[in-house]
Amino acid sequence: MVLVSGIALVDLIGSGLDRVARPGELAFCSVRPSIGGHACNVSSDLVRLGLARSRLRVVYPVGRDIFGQFLADHLGGLGIRVDPVVSRRAPTSLDLILVARGEDRRYHADPGANVEMTAAPVLRLLERHRPLVYYAGGVGLLGRFDRELPAVLRRARQLGAMTFVDVVSPYRKSWAFLRRVLPHTDVFHCNADEAGALAGGRDPVQAAAAIRRLGAANVLVTLGGQGAVAAVAGSVLRLPAFKVKVVDPTGAGDAFSAGVILKAYARLARGRRPDELTVGEWTRILVYASACGAVCTTGVGTTTAVRARDVAALAKTQGPALVREIATPARARTG
């Protein structure tokens, strides 16, 4: 069983922009609603990549509105069992995303019900299902849940789960809240900007190693078109990126996380413990996860392009060359 929790929102994605409109200017583009947020994206990607629906449970916060129903209908249509936590005080979170050609995405988010999330629903599902993997996504935007997360992770580990924490920039708090979270984290994922803010400095290799020294067992830093850095099993790896035609990079980090979860889960289901995974195993996991992230960028929306066959084809054609290019930076120290 994989238990996924985290932020949920509806993305309103404006893509195909030559540039962002000037004040008062009308710019035409494609505008589409899409599921968004770590909990929705990662769970959808897991099913698209082949995880059995019976092995997945998802819990996330929403409001009493049509957008919360949109998320439930979409995930339910994929056969995913969802446990929405409905807020009486806050609406479902919305995120306006502008995608201009040749530029990174611009996000404009209403935190909505995400800040109302608490740990109790997650703890109940942990006790009931005793998952092999527990994933907490969008940490930093989950209000009271963020404060209670160390206890949630401790209990997940006690029940035999590999704990996976995925972050966003903290809302109304500093990065310091993660100091209590990292020692209970088996896998920590962030992007380059988040790694730099948390660890200080701009070098992702040094940042990954520094975050690992703060207590996370394995640290994964995704770098978009520059690949990824991973501080795992006492080594730091620098992975180049797969080469694809990027249409919309939204959701690539979540697809990467789903790829890590899927391949790690397969090993855990065979009796492996998280701390037994070797550098070689992590390399294979990360190459697959990077292929997931790359395939995600080839379509508009956070999950629409993610297909198991396309990921397998990309990993087969480009994976061997990518493995040969993986570097182990000598200047990084992980422990």
Foldseek 3Di string as FASTA:
>chain_A
DEEEEEEWAKEFEFFPWQDDDDVPDDTDGDTDIFIDTLQLLLVLLLVQQPDDLVQYEYEYEAEPDVGVVVSVVVCVVSVHHYDYDYDDPWHGKYWYWYYHPPDAIDIDIDLTRQQVDACVVVQVVCVVPLHQAYEYTAQQSRHHNLLVQLVSLVVSVVSNHQYEYEHDQHDPDALVSCLSVQQSHAEYEYEQVVLCRNQPDRDVLQSQLSSLVSHHQKYWYQYVQQGIWICHLFFIKRFHAQDDDFRALAQLRSQLVSLLCNLVSVVVVVPDHSNRQDPVSVLVSNLLSRLSSRQCRRDPHNHPRNHNVSSVVSCVPCVVVRSVVMDTDPVHGRD
